[in-house]
Amino acid sequence: MAGGRPLESVLVAPGVKGKKVLAFKRDGLKKNEAVTGLIHDIVASSSARSAFHVLDLAKVVDLYAGWRRALPGVRPFYAVKCNPDTALLGALAALSAGFDCASRAEIEAVLALGVPPAAIVYANPCKPGAHVAFAARPASTSPRTIPRRRWPRRGDVREYWIDDGVYGSLNCILLDSYLPRPRPLAGARPGEETHASTVFGPTCDSINTVVTGYQLPEMSVDDWLVFDDMGAYTTAAGSSFNGFATSAINIYLAYSS
């Protein structure tokens, strides 16, 4: 079991300090027995009225120490997308872990815990321009020279990245069998050639694929795609995975006549 200075530093870490931390014994008990006892205590105290989680900070310390023993020359960089809970991030920061961030929101969350920029890797292979500008601000005067939202085409297939996807409004593709038929806002010119295209959402997860093999004209950075009939069960079921918050998507109200 963890003990001594590492656990002490975790208990006063940003994200943990000031919060109530429950103590329980797990020495000599089988796996899950100790935490089951704690759960019984929480339920019996009547403080829990709905679903809850238990985060064992000592277990985090043990797992981190195990990594450093096995790979003493390798500093772990925690992927924030796995679990962005502030107490967990604060505990890892107190243990001197690095952080793998995939969006401006994730970078801001880690910086707010006092993590130095040198301990952050901005590893998303597709970076929105505004996020690149934020991440590069201290060291670059021209972040717009970095390509945005699109990889070079591979063979005859065009690949594009947009800033909404199946973890956002387009979750309806997975949950409600929505068949996306995106159309370029600029429209197609008469006789314009189209190409088999794959459109991805902004996160690092390969499941975040909006369309595959879909015919689109040649698209450029800052072009727009329109998705029709995006009302019920779109933004309502979106998430903030990877720091791309569905709630950040603007809604413009209109009145047709």
C-alpha atoms as a PDB file:
ATOM      1  CA  MET A   1       0.000   0.000   0.000  1.00  0.00           C
ATOM      2  CA  ALA A   2       1.141   3.536  -0.699  1.00  0.00           C
ATOM      3  CA  GLY A   3       2.480   5.570   2.127  1.00  0.00           C
ATOM      4  CA  GLY A   4       4.821   8.387   3.065  1.00  0.00           C
ATOM      5  CA  ARG A   5       5.616  11.469   1.031  1.00  0.00           C
ATOM      6  CA  PRO A   6       4.004  10.532  -2.327  1.00  0.00           C
ATOM      7  CA  LEU A   7       0.590  10.048  -0.737  1.00  0.00           C
ATOM      8  CA  GLU A   8       1.041  13.158   1.405  1.00  0.00           C
ATOM      9  CA  SER A   9       1.774  15.245  -1.690  1.00  0.00           C
ATOM     10  CA  VAL A  10      -1.285  13.807  -3.430  1.00  0.00           C
ATOM     11  CA  LEU A  11      -3.598  14.714  -0.529  1.00  0.00           C
ATOM     12  CA  VAL A  12      -2.597  18.395  -0.761  1.00  0.00           C
ATOM     13  CA  ALA A  13      -2.523  18.511  -4.561  1.00  0.00           C
ATOM     14  CA  PRO A  14      -4.722  20.947  -6.538  1.00  0.00           C
ATOM     15  CA  GLY A  15      -7.974  19.171  -7.326  1.00  0.00           C
ATOM     16  CA  VAL A  16      -7.707  17.100  -4.130  1.00  0.00           C
ATOM     17  CA  LYS A  17      -6.942  19.654  -1.418  1.00  0.00           C
ATOM     18  CA  GLY A  18     -10.055  20.851   0.365  1.00  0.00           C
ATOM     19  CA  LYS A  19     -12.133  17.820  -0.603  1.00  0.00           C
ATOM     20  CA  LYS A  20     -13.241  15.181   1.876  1.00  0.00           C
ATOM     21  CA  VAL A  21     -11.075  12.052   1.528  1.00  0.00           C
ATOM     22  CA  LEU A  22     -12.401   8.869   3.160  1.00  0.00           C
ATOM     23  CA  ALA A  23      -9.886   6.515   4.785  1.00  0.00           C
ATOM     24  CA  PHE A  24     -10.253   2.728   4.596  1.00  0.00           C
ATOM     25  CA  LYS A  25      -8.007  -0.305   5.090  1.00  0.00           C
ATOM     26  CA  ARG A  26      -7.104  -2.666   2.269  1.00  0.00           C
ATOM     27  CA  ASP A  27      -4.058  -4.451   3.736  1.00  0.00           C
ATOM     28  CA  GLY A  28      -4.493  -8.229   3.727  1.00  0.00           C
ATOM     29  CA  LEU A  29      -7.884  -8.139   2.024  1.00  0.00           C
ATOM     30  CA  LYS A  30      -8.690  -9.724  -1.305  1.00  0.00           C
ATOM     31  CA  LYS A  31      -9.113  -7.540  -4.347  1.00  0.00           C
ATOM     32  CA  ASN A  32     -12.316  -5.461  -4.178  1.00  0.00           C
ATOM     33  CA  GLU A  33     -13.178  -6.590  -0.613  1.00  0.00           C
ATOM     34  CA  ALA A  34     -11.901  -3.383   0.965  1.00  0.00           C
ATOM     35  CA  VAL A  35     -13.627  -1.029  -1.447  1.00  0.00           C
ATOM     36  CA  THR A  36     -16.834  -3.070  -1.136  1.00  0.00           C
ATOM     37  CA  GLY A  37     -16.732  -2.444   2.600  1.00  0.00           C
ATOM     38  CA  LEU A  38     -16.269   1.286   1.982  1.00  0.00           C
ATOM     39  CA  ILE A  39     -19.227   1.315  -0.408  1.00  0.00           C
ATOM     40  CA  HIS A  40     -21.373  -0.364   2.257  1.00  0.00           C
ATOM     41  CA  ASP A  41     -20.334   2.362   4.712  1.00  0.00           C
ATOM     42  CA  ILE A  42     -21.181   5.149   2.246  1.00  0.00           C
ATOM     43  CA  VAL A  43     -24.596   3.659   1.503  1.00  0.00           C
ATOM     44  CA  ALA A  44     -25.309   3.057   5.198  1.00  0.00           C
ATOM     45  CA  SER A  45     -24.456   6.663   6.042  1.00  0.00           C
ATOM     46  CA  SER A  46     -27.320   7.829   3.800  1.00  0.00           C
ATOM     47  CA  SER A  47     -25.007  10.370   2.146  1.00  0.00           C
ATOM     48  CA  ALA A  48     -25.418   8.626  -1.210  1.00  0.00           C
ATOM     49  CA  ARG A  49     -28.776   9.085  -2.929  1.00  0.00           C
ATOM     50  CA  SER A  50     -27.744   8.228  -6.485  1.00  0.00           C
ATOM     51  CA  ALA A  51     -24.975   6.495  -8.433  1.00  0.00           C
ATOM     52  CA  PHE A  52     -21.441   7.320  -7.301  1.00  0.00           C
ATOM     53  CA  HIS A  53     -17.783   6.493  -7.978  1.00  0.00           C
ATOM     54  CA  VAL A  54     -14.916   5.731  -5.588  1.00  0.00           C
ATOM     55  CA  LEU A  55     -11.402   6.933  -6.459  1.00  0.00           C
ATOM     56  CA  ASP A  56      -8.692   5.308  -4.319  1.00  0.00           C
ATOM     57  CA  LEU A  57      -5.852   7.837  -4.389  1.00  0.00           C
ATOM     58  CA  ALA A  58      -3.473   5.390  -2.710  1.00  0.00           C
ATOM     59  CA  LYS A  59      -4.054   2.959  -5.578  1.00  0.00           C
ATOM     60  CA  VAL A  60      -3.096   5.709  -8.019  1.00  0.00           C
ATOM     61  CA  VAL A  61       0.144   6.236  -6.087  1.00  0.00           C
ATOM     62  CA  ASP A  62       0.855   2.484  -6.117  1.00  0.00           C
ATOM     63  CA  LEU A  63       0.228   2.148  -9.850  1.00  0.00           C
ATOM     64  CA  TYR A  64       2.436   5.131 -10.635  1.00  0.00           C
ATOM     65  CA  ALA A  65       5.220   3.791  -8.413  1.00  0.00           C
ATOM     66  CA  GLY A  66       4.933   0.403 -10.127  1.00  0.00           C
ATOM     67  CA  TRP A  67       5.405   2.058 -13.509  1.00  0.00           C
ATOM     68  CA  ARG A  68       8.510   3.926 -12.343  1.00  0.00           C
ATOM     69  CA  ARG A  69      10.020   0.764 -10.886  1.00  0.00           C
ATOM     70  CA  ALA A  70       9.413  -1.227 -14.072  1.00  0.00           C
ATOM     71  CA  LEU A  71      10.470   1.568 -16.439  1.00  0.00           C
ATOM     72  CA  PRO A  72      12.740   3.859 -14.405  1.00  0.00           C
ATOM     73  CA  GLY A  73      13.904   5.791 -17.462  1.00  0.00           C
ATOM     74  CA  VAL A  74      10.448   6.385 -18.933  1.00  0.00           C
ATOM     75  CA  ARG A  75       8.247   9.234 -17.738  1.00  0.00           C
ATOM     76  CA  PRO A  76       4.556   8.391 -18.205  1.00  0.00           C
ATOM     77  CA  PHE A  77       2.343  10.929 -19.970  1.00  0.00           C
ATOM     78  CA  TYR A  78      -1.265  10.375 -18.921  1.00  0.00           C
ATOM     79  CA  ALA A  79      -3.872  10.670 -21.684  1.00  0.00           C
ATOM     80  CA  VAL A  80      -6.353  13.152 -20.222  1.00  0.00           C
ATOM     81  CA  LYS A  81      -9.139  11.802 -22.441  1.00  0.00           C
ATOM     82  CA  CYS A  82      -9.151   8.547 -20.417  1.00  0.00           C
ATOM     83  CA  ASN A  83     -10.557  10.246 -17.321  1.00  0.00           C
ATOM     84  CA  PRO A  84     -10.339  14.047 -16.882  1.00  0.00           C
ATOM     85  CA  ASP A  85     -11.431  14.062 -13.221  1.00  0.00           C
ATOM     86  CA  THR A  86      -9.624  16.981 -11.567  1.00  0.00           C
ATOM     87  CA  ALA A  87      -8.707  15.004  -8.442  1.00  0.00           C
ATOM     88  CA  LEU A  88      -7.099  12.267 -10.534  1.00  0.00           C
ATOM     89  CA  LEU A  89      -5.243  14.809 -12.679  1.00  0.00           C
ATOM     90  CA  GLY A  90      -4.099  16.666  -9.576  1.00  0.00           C
ATOM     91  CA  ALA A  91      -2.842  13.447  -7.993  1.00  0.00           C
ATOM     92  CA  LEU A  92      -0.861  12.533 -11.104  1.00  0.00           C
ATOM     93  CA  ALA A  93       0.556  16.053 -11.306  1.00  0.00           C
ATOM     94  CA  ALA A  94       1.727  15.769  -7.688  1.00  0.00           C
ATOM     95  CA  LEU A  95       3.511  12.550  -8.642  1.00  0.00           C
ATOM     96  CA  SER A  96       5.304  14.398 -11.493  1.00  0.00           C
ATOM     97  CA  ALA A  97       3.490  12.642 -14.319  1.00  0.00           C
ATOM     98  CA  GLY A  98       3.347  14.265 -17.731  1.00  0.00           C
ATOM     99  CA  PHE A  99       0.094  14.767 -19.627  1.00  0.00           C
ATOM    100  CA  ASP A 100      -1.044  13.901 -23.149  1.00  0.00           C
ATOM    101  CA  CYS A 101      -3.645  16.501 -24.169  1.00  0.00           C
ATOM    102  CA  ALA A 102      -5.784  16.518 -27.301  1.00  0.00           C
ATOM    103  CA  SER A 103      -7.558  19.888 -27.159  1.00  0.00           C
ATOM    104  CA  ARG A 104      -7.359  23.382 -25.756  1.00  0.00           C
ATOM    105  CA  ALA A 105      -9.828  22.462 -22.996  1.00  0.00           C
ATOM    106  CA  GLU A 106      -7.611  19.580 -21.847  1.00  0.00           C
ATOM    107  CA  ILE A 107      -4.504  21.790 -21.924  1.00  0.00           C
ATOM    108  CA  GLU A 108      -6.284  24.474 -19.887  1.00  0.00           C
ATOM    109  CA  ALA A 109      -7.511  21.901 -17.355  1.00  0.00           C
ATOM    110  CA  VAL A 110      -3.973  20.626 -16.779  1.00  0.00           C
ATOM    111  CA  LEU A 111      -2.378  24.085 -16.663  1.00  0.00           C
ATOM    112  CA  ALA A 112      -4.954  25.104 -14.037  1.00  0.00           C
ATOM    113  CA  LEU A 113      -3.487  22.433 -11.753  1.00  0.00           C
ATOM    114  CA  GLY A 114      -0.058  24.061 -11.917  1.00  0.00           C
ATOM    115  CA  VAL A 115       1.431  21.671 -14.464  1.00  0.00           C
ATOM    116  CA  PRO A 116       4.259  23.363 -16.421  1.00  0.00           C
ATOM    117  CA  PRO A 117       3.873  23.495 -20.231  1.00  0.00           C
ATOM    118  CA  ALA A 118       7.012  21.372 -20.618  1.00  0.00           C
ATOM    119  CA  ALA A 119       5.117  18.474 -19.009  1.00  0.00           C
ATOM    120  CA  ILE A 120       2.346  18.580 -21.637  1.00  0.00           C
ATOM    121  CA  VAL A 121       2.334  16.836 -25.009  1.00  0.00           C
ATOM    122  CA  TYR A 122      -0.253  18.115 -27.503  1.00  0.00           C
ATOM    123  CA  ALA A 123      -0.684  14.824 -29.324  1.00  0.00           C
ATOM    124  CA  ASN A 124      -3.937  15.056 -31.296  1.00  0.00           C
ATOM    125  CA  PRO A 125      -3.030  14.268 -34.941  1.00  0.00           C
ATOM    126  CA  CYS A 126      -5.767  16.689 -36.060  1.00  0.00           C
ATOM    127  CA  LYS A 127      -5.534  20.072 -34.364  1.00  0.00           C
ATOM    128  CA  PRO A 128      -8.093  22.865 -34.912  1.00  0.00           C
ATOM    129  CA  GLY A 129      -6.373  26.124 -35.806  1.00  0.00           C
ATOM    130  CA  ALA A 130      -7.545  27.981 -32.697  1.00  0.00           C
ATOM    131  CA  HIS A 131      -6.206  25.189 -30.484  1.00  0.00           C
ATOM    132  CA  VAL A 132      -2.840  25.241 -32.273  1.00  0.00           C
ATOM    133  CA  ALA A 133      -2.661  29.008 -31.781  1.00  0.00           C
ATOM    134  CA  PHE A 134      -3.344  28.579 -28.064  1.00  0.00           C
ATOM    135  CA  ALA A 135      -0.794  25.786 -27.605  1.00  0.00           C
ATOM    136  CA  ALA A 136       1.892  27.549 -29.664  1.00  0.00           C
ATOM    137  CA  ARG A 137       1.282  31.050 -28.292  1.00  0.00           C
ATOM    138  CA  PRO A 138       4.405  31.309 -26.104  1.00  0.00           C
ATOM    139  CA  ALA A 139       6.761  30.012 -28.798  1.00  0.00           C
ATOM    140  CA  SER A 140       5.345  30.955 -32.183  1.00  0.00           C
ATOM    141  CA  THR A 141       4.168  34.098 -33.917  1.00  0.00           C
ATOM    142  CA  SER A 142       2.563  32.394 -36.924  1.00  0.00           C
ATOM    143  CA  PRO A 143       0.616  29.297 -35.831  1.00  0.00           C
ATOM    144  CA  ARG A 144      -1.620  29.608 -38.892  1.00  0.00           C
ATOM    145  CA  THR A 145       1.209  28.199 -40.997  1.00  0.00           C
ATOM    146  CA  ILE A 146       0.299  24.799 -39.538  1.00  0.00           C
ATOM    147  CA  PRO A 147      -2.342  22.967 -41.657  1.00  0.00           C
ATOM    148  CA  ARG A 148      -5.760  22.637 -40.068  1.00  0.00           C
ATOM    149  CA  ARG A 149      -8.426  19.937 -40.054  1.00  0.00           C
ATOM    150  CA  ARG A 150      -7.217  17.992 -43.064  1.00  0.00           C
ATOM    151  CA  TRP A 151      -4.535  15.430 -43.842  1.00  0.00           C
ATOM    152  CA  PRO A 152      -3.080  15.219 -47.340  1.00  0.00           C
ATOM    153  CA  ARG A 153      -5.151  12.867 -49.452  1.00  0.00           C
ATOM    154  CA  ARG A 154      -4.146   9.198 -49.606  1.00  0.00           C
ATOM    155  CA  GLY A 155      -4.395   7.844 -53.109  1.00  0.00           C
ATOM    156  CA  ASP A 156      -7.838   8.484 -54.538  1.00  0.00           C
ATOM    157  CA  VAL A 157      -9.512   8.937 -51.138  1.00  0.00           C
ATOM    158  CA  ARG A 158      -9.799  12.415 -49.653  1.00  0.00           C
ATOM    159  CA  GLU A 159      -9.707  12.665 -45.859  1.00  0.00           C
ATOM    160  CA  TYR A 160     -11.158  15.613 -43.962  1.00  0.00           C
ATOM    161  CA  TRP A 161     -11.493  16.548 -40.295  1.00  0.00           C
ATOM    162  CA  ILE A 162     -14.361  18.659 -38.957  1.00  0.00           C
ATOM    163  CA  ASP A 163     -14.987  20.068 -35.477  1.00  0.00           C
ATOM    164  CA  ASP A 164     -18.099  18.025 -34.683  1.00  0.00           C
ATOM    165  CA  GLY A 165     -18.503  14.254 -34.712  1.00  0.00           C
ATOM    166  CA  VAL A 166     -19.976  11.142 -33.133  1.00  0.00           C
ATOM    167  CA  TYR A 167     -19.030  12.292 -29.618  1.00  0.00           C
ATOM    168  CA  GLY A 168     -20.864  15.557 -30.296  1.00  0.00           C
ATOM    169  CA  SER A 169     -24.025  16.359 -32.249  1.00  0.00           C
ATOM    170  CA  LEU A 170     -23.417  13.489 -34.657  1.00  0.00           C
ATOM    171  CA  ASN A 171     -23.742  10.850 -31.927  1.00  0.00           C
ATOM    172  CA  CYS A 172     -27.036  10.119 -33.704  1.00  0.00           C
ATOM    173  CA  ILE A 173     -24.994   8.172 -36.277  1.00  0.00           C
ATOM    174  CA  LEU A 174     -24.186   5.560 -33.623  1.00  0.00           C
ATOM    175  CA  LEU A 175     -27.242   5.813 -31.386  1.00  0.00           C
ATOM    176  CA  ASP A 176     -30.122   6.485 -33.768  1.00  0.00           C
ATOM    177  CA  SER A 177     -28.999   5.091 -37.149  1.00  0.00           C
ATOM    178  CA  TYR A 178     -28.847   8.596 -38.632  1.00  0.00           C
ATOM    179  CA  LEU A 179     -27.535   8.436 -42.194  1.00  0.00           C
ATOM    180  CA  PRO A 180     -25.409  11.550 -42.706  1.00  0.00           C
ATOM    181  CA  ARG A 181     -25.494  13.147 -46.146  1.00  0.00           C
ATOM    182  CA  PRO A 182     -23.250  16.192 -45.773  1.00  0.00           C
ATOM    183  CA  ARG A 183     -23.346  18.776 -48.524  1.00  0.00           C
ATOM    184  CA  PRO A 184     -20.830  21.544 -49.166  1.00  0.00           C
ATOM    185  CA  LEU A 185     -22.191  24.952 -48.230  1.00  0.00           C
ATOM    186  CA  ALA A 186     -20.601  26.415 -51.353  1.00  0.00           C
ATOM    187  CA  GLY A 187     -22.522  23.944 -53.502  1.00  0.00           C
ATOM    188  CA  ALA A 188     -21.164  21.971 -56.424  1.00  0.00           C
ATOM    189  CA  ARG A 189     -20.276  23.685 -59.663  1.00  0.00           C
ATOM    190  CA  PRO A 190     -21.780  22.152 -62.832  1.00  0.00           C
ATOM    191  CA  GLY A 191     -19.564  19.311 -64.026  1.00  0.00           C
ATOM    192  CA  GLU A 192     -17.306  19.503 -60.971  1.00  0.00           C
ATOM    193  CA  GLU A 193     -15.527  16.238 -60.215  1.00  0.00           C
ATOM    194  CA  THR A 194     -16.268  14.502 -56.923  1.00  0.00           C
ATOM    195  CA  HIS A 195     -14.081  12.091 -54.984  1.00  0.00           C
ATOM    196  CA  ALA A 196     -14.574   9.268 -52.494  1.00  0.00           C
ATOM    197  CA  SER A 197     -14.072  11.032 -49.166  1.00  0.00           C
ATOM    198  CA  THR A 198     -13.823  10.139 -45.494  1.00  0.00           C
ATOM    199  CA  VAL A 199     -14.869  12.732 -42.927  1.00  0.00           C
ATOM    200  CA  PHE A 200     -13.652  12.411 -39.329  1.00  0.00           C
ATOM    201  CA  GLY A 201     -14.712  14.150 -36.138  1.00  0.00           C
ATOM    202  CA  PRO A 202     -12.198  16.059 -33.986  1.00  0.00           C
ATOM    203  CA  THR A 203     -11.283  13.488 -31.310  1.00  0.00           C
ATOM    204  CA  CYS A 204      -8.442  10.966 -31.253  1.00  0.00           C
ATOM    205  CA  ASP A 205     -10.781   7.958 -31.417  1.00  0.00           C
ATOM    206  CA  SER A 206     -10.916   6.137 -34.759  1.00  0.00           C
ATOM    207  CA  ILE A 207     -14.613   5.409 -34.169  1.00  0.00           C
ATOM    208  CA  ASN A 208     -15.209   9.124 -34.719  1.00  0.00           C
ATOM    209  CA  THR A 209     -15.848   8.633 -38.430  1.00  0.00           C
ATOM    210  CA  VAL A 210     -18.763  10.567 -39.904  1.00  0.00           C
ATOM    211  CA  VAL A 211     -18.807   9.194 -43.467  1.00  0.00           C
ATOM    212  CA  THR A 212     -16.606   6.810 -45.438  1.00  0.00           C
ATOM    213  CA  GLY A 213     -16.341   6.637 -49.212  1.00  0.00           C
ATOM    214  CA  TYR A 214     -18.789   9.527 -49.546  1.00  0.00           C
ATOM    215  CA  GLN A 215     -18.677  11.530 -52.764  1.00  0.00           C
ATOM    216  CA  LEU A 216     -17.629  15.143 -52.212  1.00  0.00           C
ATOM    217  CA  PRO A 217     -15.969  17.759 -54.393  1.00  0.00           C
ATOM    218  CA  GLU A 218     -12.434  18.804 -53.489  1.00  0.00           C
ATOM    219  CA  MET A 219     -12.668  20.571 -50.119  1.00  0.00           C
ATOM    220  CA  SER A 220     -10.293  23.113 -48.595  1.00  0.00           C
ATOM    221  CA  VAL A 221      -9.536  24.379 -45.098  1.00  0.00           C
ATOM    222  CA  ASP A 222     -12.366  26.604 -43.808  1.00  0.00           C
ATOM    223  CA  ASP A 223     -14.948  25.156 -46.213  1.00  0.00           C
ATOM    224  CA  TRP A 224     -18.247  24.211 -44.554  1.00  0.00           C
ATOM    225  CA  LEU A 225     -20.338  21.048 -44.648  1.00  0.00           C
ATOM    226  CA  VAL A 226     -24.085  21.169 -43.951  1.00  0.00           C
ATOM    227  CA  PHE A 227     -25.917  18.309 -42.189  1.00  0.00           C
ATOM    228  CA  ASP A 228     -29.700  18.525 -42.484  1.00  0.00           C
ATOM    229  CA  ASP A 229     -32.363  17.348 -39.997  1.00  0.00           C
ATOM    230  CA  MET A 230     -30.127  17.605 -36.936  1.00  0.00           C
ATOM    231  CA  GLY A 231     -32.785  18.194 -34.268  1.00  0.00           C
ATOM    232  CA  ALA A 232     -33.815  15.458 -31.849  1.00  0.00           C
ATOM    233  CA  TYR A 233     -31.166  13.458 -29.963  1.00  0.00           C
ATOM    234  CA  THR A 234     -28.166  15.317 -31.370  1.00  0.00           C
ATOM    235  CA  THR A 235     -26.744  17.957 -29.018  1.00  0.00           C
ATOM    236  CA  ALA A 236     -28.896  16.490 -26.227  1.00  0.00           C
ATOM    237  CA  ALA A 237     -26.822  13.302 -26.178  1.00  0.00           C
ATOM    238  CA  GLY A 238     -23.412  14.795 -26.950  1.00  0.00           C
ATOM    239  CA  SER A 239     -20.407  14.705 -24.632  1.00  0.00           C
ATOM    240  CA  SER A 240     -17.216  16.621 -23.856  1.00  0.00           C
ATOM    241  CA  PHE A 241     -14.883  13.746 -24.752  1.00  0.00           C
ATOM    242  CA  ASN A 242     -11.300  14.831 -25.466  1.00  0.00           C
ATOM    243  CA  GLY A 243     -12.217  18.355 -24.393  1.00  0.00           C
ATOM    244  CA  PHE A 244     -14.474  19.025 -27.380  1.00  0.00           C
ATOM    245  CA  ALA A 245     -17.652  20.126 -25.614  1.00  0.00           C
ATOM    246  CA  THR A 246     -20.975  19.757 -27.402  1.00  0.00           C
ATOM    247  CA  SER A 247     -22.254  22.599 -25.212  1.00  0.00           C
ATOM    248  CA  ALA A 248     -19.752  24.915 -26.925  1.00  0.00           C
ATOM    249  CA  ILE A 249     -21.542  24.532 -30.272  1.00  0.00           C
ATOM    250  CA  ASN A 250     -23.499  27.713 -30.976  1.00  0.00           C
ATOM    251  CA  ILE A 251     -27.181  27.649 -31.904  1.00  0.00           C
ATOM    252  CA  TYR A 252     -28.412  30.514 -34.077  1.00  0.00           C
ATOM    253  CA  LEU A 253     -32.129  31.099 -33.706  1.00  0.00           C
ATOM    254  CA  ALA A 254     -34.111  31.941 -36.832  1.00  0.00           C
ATOM    255  CA  TYR A 255     -37.732  32.493 -37.859  1.00  0.00           C
ATOM    256  CA  SER A 256     -38.808  31.435 -41.331  1.00  0.00           C
ATOM    257  CA  SER A 257     -41.769  32.951 -43.152  1.00  0.00           C
END
